[in-house]
């Protein structure tokens, strides 16, 4: 529980740092797609497939 609280505090500090610098918060490249197509099951499946392919590509690079 203590570790979770520490992570929450660190996340809050990161948000404050971005705000203090006037920088926008970084967003996942998939966030816009997910918001746009949140009600479309096919689009959700396509998004998940793309995410899994990206993950597999990253794993292959690491090997």
Protein backbone atom coordinates (compact mmCIF):
# COMPACT_ATOMS: atom_id res chain seq x y z
CA UNK A 1 0.00 0.00 0.00
CA UNK A 2 2.88 2.34 0.81
CA UNK A 3 4.44 1.77 -2.63
CA UNK A 4 1.14 2.64 -4.30
CA UNK A 5 0.92 5.86 -2.34
CA UNK A 6 4.49 6.74 -3.33
CA UNK A 7 3.62 6.20 -7.00
CA UNK A 8 0.56 8.40 -6.68
CA UNK A 9 2.65 11.15 -5.09
CA UNK A 10 5.31 10.87 -7.82
CA UNK A 11 2.62 11.08 -10.51
CA UNK A 12 1.16 14.18 -8.87
CA UNK A 13 4.62 15.75 -8.83
CA UNK A 14 5.15 15.00 -12.52
CA UNK A 15 1.82 16.67 -13.31
CA UNK A 16 2.84 19.72 -11.30
CA UNK A 17 6.20 19.85 -13.10
CA UNK A 18 4.53 19.83 -16.52
CA UNK A 19 2.08 22.50 -15.38
CA UNK A 20 4.88 24.69 -13.97
CA UNK A 21 6.80 24.47 -17.26
CA UNK A 22 3.66 25.18 -19.29
CA UNK A 23 4.08 21.96 -21.25
CA UNK A 24 1.15 19.82 -22.37
CA UNK A 25 0.92 16.36 -20.87
CA UNK A 26 2.21 13.60 -23.16
CA UNK A 27 -0.48 11.35 -24.62
CA UNK A 28 -0.37 7.87 -25.97
CA UNK A 29 -0.63 7.74 -29.76
CA UNK A 30 -3.56 5.39 -29.24
CA UNK A 31 -5.49 7.67 -26.86
CA UNK A 32 -7.08 9.68 -29.67
CA UNK A 33 -8.03 6.53 -31.56
CA UNK A 34 -9.55 5.01 -28.46
CA UNK A 35 -11.60 8.11 -27.68
CA UNK A 36 -12.74 8.47 -31.27
CA UNK A 37 -13.78 4.84 -31.70
CA UNK A 38 -14.72 3.86 -28.17
CA UNK A 39 -18.15 2.56 -29.15
CA UNK A 40 -17.07 0.67 -32.28
CA UNK A 41 -16.16 -2.95 -31.45
CA UNK A 42 -14.26 -3.50 -34.70
CA UNK A 43 -12.19 -0.39 -34.15
CA UNK A 44 -11.42 -1.51 -30.61
CA UNK A 45 -10.30 -4.91 -31.91
CA UNK A 46 -8.11 -3.22 -34.55
CA UNK A 47 -6.57 -0.99 -31.91
CA UNK A 48 -5.81 -3.93 -29.67
CA UNK A 49 -4.23 -5.80 -32.57
CA UNK A 50 -2.02 -2.81 -33.38
CA UNK A 51 -0.96 -2.53 -29.74
CA UNK A 52 -0.11 -6.23 -29.56
CA UNK A 53 1.90 -6.04 -32.80
CA UNK A 54 3.84 -3.07 -31.45
CA UNK A 55 4.54 -4.97 -28.23
CA UNK A 56 5.77 -8.01 -30.17
CA UNK A 57 8.01 -5.84 -32.34
CA UNK A 58 9.53 -4.29 -29.21
CA UNK A 59 10.12 -7.74 -27.71
CA UNK A 60 11.85 -8.88 -30.90
CA UNK A 61 14.14 -5.86 -30.79
CA UNK A 62 15.05 -6.68 -27.21
CA UNK A 63 16.12 -10.22 -28.02
